[in-house]
Amino acid sequence: MEPLVNINEAAELLGLSSWTVRKLIASHRLSAIRINRRVLLQPEELRRIIEESRATRRPAQLARDRAKDF
């Protein structure tokens, strides 16, 4: 089992602000585990949100991303 990550660590891994991660949790797009006062996330949830965002990219975004690789 992989160790859980806190909101700040998740934000850094996702390249988002901690407030954005909190908004994703509040909107139920990202599930979190609450242990006492700590809010923790499973690494597989972070992978899921990354894959989900890749699947919902628009074609123009994909073209720009590919152009950056060259």
N, C-alpha and C. Protein backbone atom coordinates (compact mmCIF):
# COMPACT_ATOMS: atom_id res chain seq x y z
N MET A 1 0.84 -1.18 0.00
CA MET A 1 0.00 0.00 0.00
C MET A 1 0.89 1.25 0.00
N GLU A 2 0.57 2.15 -0.89
CA GLU A 2 1.33 3.40 -0.99
C GLU A 2 0.93 4.35 0.14
N PRO A 3 1.86 5.17 0.59
CA PRO A 3 1.52 6.12 1.64
C PRO A 3 0.55 7.20 1.12
N LEU A 4 -0.31 7.65 2.01
CA LEU A 4 -1.26 8.71 1.68
C LEU A 4 -0.52 10.04 1.61
N VAL A 5 -1.06 10.97 0.84
CA VAL A 5 -0.45 12.30 0.73
C VAL A 5 -1.42 13.35 1.24
N ASN A 6 -0.87 14.42 1.78
CA ASN A 6 -1.74 15.50 2.25
C ASN A 6 -2.06 16.46 1.10
N ILE A 7 -2.87 17.45 1.38
CA ILE A 7 -3.33 18.35 0.33
C ILE A 7 -2.17 19.11 -0.31
N ASN A 8 -1.23 19.59 0.48
CA ASN A 8 -0.10 20.33 -0.08
C ASN A 8 0.76 19.45 -0.98
N GLU A 9 1.00 18.21 -0.55
CA GLU A 9 1.78 17.28 -1.38
C GLU A 9 1.03 16.95 -2.67
N ALA A 10 -0.27 16.74 -2.57
CA ALA A 10 -1.08 16.45 -3.75
C ALA A 10 -1.04 17.62 -4.72
N ALA A 11 -1.15 18.83 -4.19
CA ALA A 11 -1.12 20.03 -5.04
C ALA A 11 0.21 20.11 -5.78
N GLU A 12 1.30 19.85 -5.09
CA GLU A 12 2.62 19.90 -5.73
C GLU A 12 2.75 18.83 -6.81
N LEU A 13 2.28 17.62 -6.53
CA LEU A 13 2.36 16.54 -7.50
C LEU A 13 1.50 16.81 -8.74
N LEU A 14 0.34 17.46 -8.54
CA LEU A 14 -0.57 17.75 -9.64
C LEU A 14 -0.25 19.05 -10.35
N GLY A 15 0.61 19.87 -9.75
CA GLY A 15 0.92 21.17 -10.34
C GLY A 15 -0.22 22.16 -10.17
N LEU A 16 -0.96 22.03 -9.07
CA LEU A 16 -2.09 22.90 -8.77
C LEU A 16 -1.85 23.59 -7.43
N SER A 17 -2.70 24.55 -7.12
CA SER A 17 -2.63 25.17 -5.80
C SER A 17 -3.37 24.28 -4.81
N SER A 18 -3.07 24.45 -3.54
CA SER A 18 -3.77 23.67 -2.52
C SER A 18 -5.26 24.02 -2.49
N TRP A 19 -5.59 25.27 -2.82
CA TRP A 19 -7.01 25.66 -2.87
C TRP A 19 -7.73 24.94 -3.99
N THR A 20 -7.09 24.75 -5.11
CA THR A 20 -7.71 24.02 -6.21
C THR A 20 -7.96 22.57 -5.82
N VAL A 21 -7.00 21.96 -5.13
CA VAL A 21 -7.19 20.58 -4.66
C VAL A 21 -8.36 20.53 -3.69
N ARG A 22 -8.46 21.52 -2.80
CA ARG A 22 -9.59 21.56 -1.87
C ARG A 22 -10.92 21.70 -2.62
N LYS A 23 -10.93 22.51 -3.68
CA LYS A 23 -12.15 22.67 -4.48
C LYS A 23 -12.53 21.36 -5.16
N LEU A 24 -11.53 20.63 -5.66
CA LEU A 24 -11.80 19.34 -6.29
C LEU A 24 -12.40 18.36 -5.28
N ILE A 25 -11.92 18.41 -4.05
CA ILE A 25 -12.46 17.55 -2.99
C ILE A 25 -13.89 17.97 -2.66
N ALA A 26 -14.12 19.27 -2.51
CA ALA A 26 -15.44 19.79 -2.16
C ALA A 26 -16.48 19.48 -3.25
N SER A 27 -16.04 19.47 -4.51
CA SER A 27 -16.97 19.19 -5.61
C SER A 27 -17.09 17.69 -5.89
N HIS A 28 -16.43 16.87 -5.07
CA HIS A 28 -16.47 15.41 -5.17
C HIS A 28 -15.83 14.88 -6.45
N ARG A 29 -14.97 15.67 -7.08
CA ARG A 29 -14.22 15.18 -8.24
C ARG A 29 -12.97 14.43 -7.79
N LEU A 30 -12.59 14.63 -6.54
CA LEU A 30 -11.43 13.98 -5.96
C LEU A 30 -11.86 13.51 -4.57
N SER A 31 -11.69 12.22 -4.30
CA SER A 31 -12.10 11.73 -2.99
C SER A 31 -10.92 11.75 -2.02
N ALA A 32 -11.24 12.09 -0.79
CA ALA A 32 -10.22 12.23 0.25
C ALA A 32 -10.62 11.42 1.47
N ILE A 33 -9.64 11.15 2.29
CA ILE A 33 -9.85 10.43 3.54
C ILE A 33 -9.58 11.40 4.67
N ARG A 34 -10.50 11.49 5.61
CA ARG A 34 -10.31 12.37 6.75
C ARG A 34 -9.95 11.52 7.96
N ILE A 35 -8.80 11.79 8.54
CA ILE A 35 -8.36 11.12 9.76
C ILE A 35 -8.14 12.21 10.80
N ASN A 36 -9.06 12.25 11.76
CA ASN A 36 -9.10 13.34 12.72
C ASN A 36 -9.22 14.65 11.96
N ARG A 37 -8.24 15.52 12.07
CA ARG A 37 -8.30 16.81 11.36
C ARG A 37 -7.52 16.80 10.06
N ARG A 38 -6.87 15.71 9.77
CA ARG A 38 -6.04 15.62 8.56
C ARG A 38 -6.87 15.15 7.38
N VAL A 39 -6.64 15.76 6.23
CA VAL A 39 -7.28 15.35 4.98
C VAL A 39 -6.18 14.76 4.11
N LEU A 40 -6.36 13.48 3.76
CA LEU A 40 -5.34 12.76 3.02
C LEU A 40 -5.93 12.18 1.75
N LEU A 41 -5.07 11.98 0.77
CA LEU A 41 -5.51 11.45 -0.52
C LEU A 41 -4.69 10.22 -0.87
N GLN A 42 -5.33 9.30 -1.56
CA GLN A 42 -4.65 8.10 -2.02
C GLN A 42 -3.95 8.42 -3.35
N PRO A 43 -2.74 7.96 -3.54
CA PRO A 43 -2.03 8.21 -4.80
C PRO A 43 -2.81 7.76 -6.04
N GLU A 44 -3.59 6.67 -5.92
CA GLU A 44 -4.36 6.23 -7.09
C GLU A 44 -5.44 7.24 -7.46
N GLU A 45 -5.92 8.02 -6.50
CA GLU A 45 -6.88 9.10 -6.80
C GLU A 45 -6.21 10.19 -7.62
N LEU A 46 -4.97 10.49 -7.29
CA LEU A 46 -4.23 11.50 -8.05
C LEU A 46 -3.99 11.01 -9.48
N ARG A 47 -3.64 9.74 -9.62
CA ARG A 47 -3.46 9.18 -10.96
C ARG A 47 -4.77 9.22 -11.75
N ARG A 48 -5.88 8.94 -11.08
CA ARG A 48 -7.18 8.96 -11.74
C ARG A 48 -7.52 10.35 -12.25
N ILE A 49 -7.30 11.37 -11.44
CA ILE A 49 -7.64 12.74 -11.85
C ILE A 49 -6.74 13.18 -13.00
N ILE A 50 -5.49 12.72 -13.02
CA ILE A 50 -4.59 13.04 -14.13
C ILE A 50 -5.10 12.39 -15.41
N GLU A 51 -5.45 11.12 -15.35
CA GLU A 51 -5.97 10.43 -16.53
C GLU A 51 -7.28 11.04 -17.00
N GLU A 52 -8.12 11.41 -16.06
CA GLU A 52 -9.39 12.05 -16.39
C GLU A 52 -9.17 13.37 -17.12
N SER A 53 -8.21 14.14 -16.68
CA SER A 53 -7.95 15.42 -17.32
C SER A 53 -7.34 15.22 -18.71
N ARG A 54 -6.55 14.18 -18.89
CA ARG A 54 -6.00 13.87 -20.21
C ARG A 54 -7.11 13.50 -21.18
N ALA A 55 -8.09 12.76 -20.69
CA ALA A 55 -9.18 12.29 -21.55
C ALA A 55 -10.12 13.42 -21.94
N THR A 56 -10.16 14.49 -21.16
CA THR A 56 -11.11 15.57 -21.44
C THR A 56 -10.47 16.76 -22.13
N ARG A 57 -9.21 16.64 -22.53
CA ARG A 57 -8.56 17.74 -23.25
C ARG A 57 -9.19 17.93 -24.61
N ARG A 58 -9.27 19.16 -25.01
CA ARG A 58 -9.80 19.48 -26.34
C ARG A 58 -8.71 19.29 -27.39
N PRO A 59 -9.09 19.04 -28.63
CA PRO A 59 -8.09 18.82 -29.69
C PRO A 59 -7.08 19.96 -29.81
N ALA A 60 -7.51 21.21 -29.64
CA ALA A 60 -6.59 22.34 -29.73
C ALA A 60 -5.53 22.27 -28.63
N GLN A 61 -5.94 21.86 -27.45
CA GLN A 61 -4.99 21.73 -26.35
C GLN A 61 -3.98 20.63 -26.67
N LEU A 62 -4.47 19.52 -27.19
CA LEU A 62 -3.57 18.42 -27.55
C LEU A 62 -2.55 18.86 -28.59
N ALA A 63 -2.98 19.62 -29.58
CA ALA A 63 -2.07 20.11 -30.63
C ALA A 63 -1.01 21.01 -30.04
N ARG A 64 -1.40 21.91 -29.11
CA ARG A 64 -0.42 22.80 -28.47
C ARG A 64 0.57 22.00 -27.65
N ASP A 65 0.07 20.99 -26.92
CA ASP A 65 0.96 20.17 -26.10
C ASP A 65 1.96 19.41 -26.96
N ARG A 66 1.50 18.89 -28.08
CA ARG A 66 2.40 18.16 -28.98
C ARG A 66 3.44 19.10 -29.58
N ALA A 67 3.03 20.32 -29.90
CA ALA A 67 3.95 21.30 -30.50
C ALA A 67 5.07 21.66 -29.52
N LYS A 68 4.78 21.63 -28.22
CA LYS A 68 5.79 21.94 -27.21
C LYS A 68 6.89 20.89 -27.19
N ASP A 69 6.54 19.66 -27.57
CA ASP A 69 7.51 18.55 -27.53
C ASP A 69 8.57 18.69 -28.61
N PHE A 70 8.31 19.49 -29.65
CA PHE A 70 9.26 19.61 -30.75
C PHE A 70 10.22 20.72 -30.55
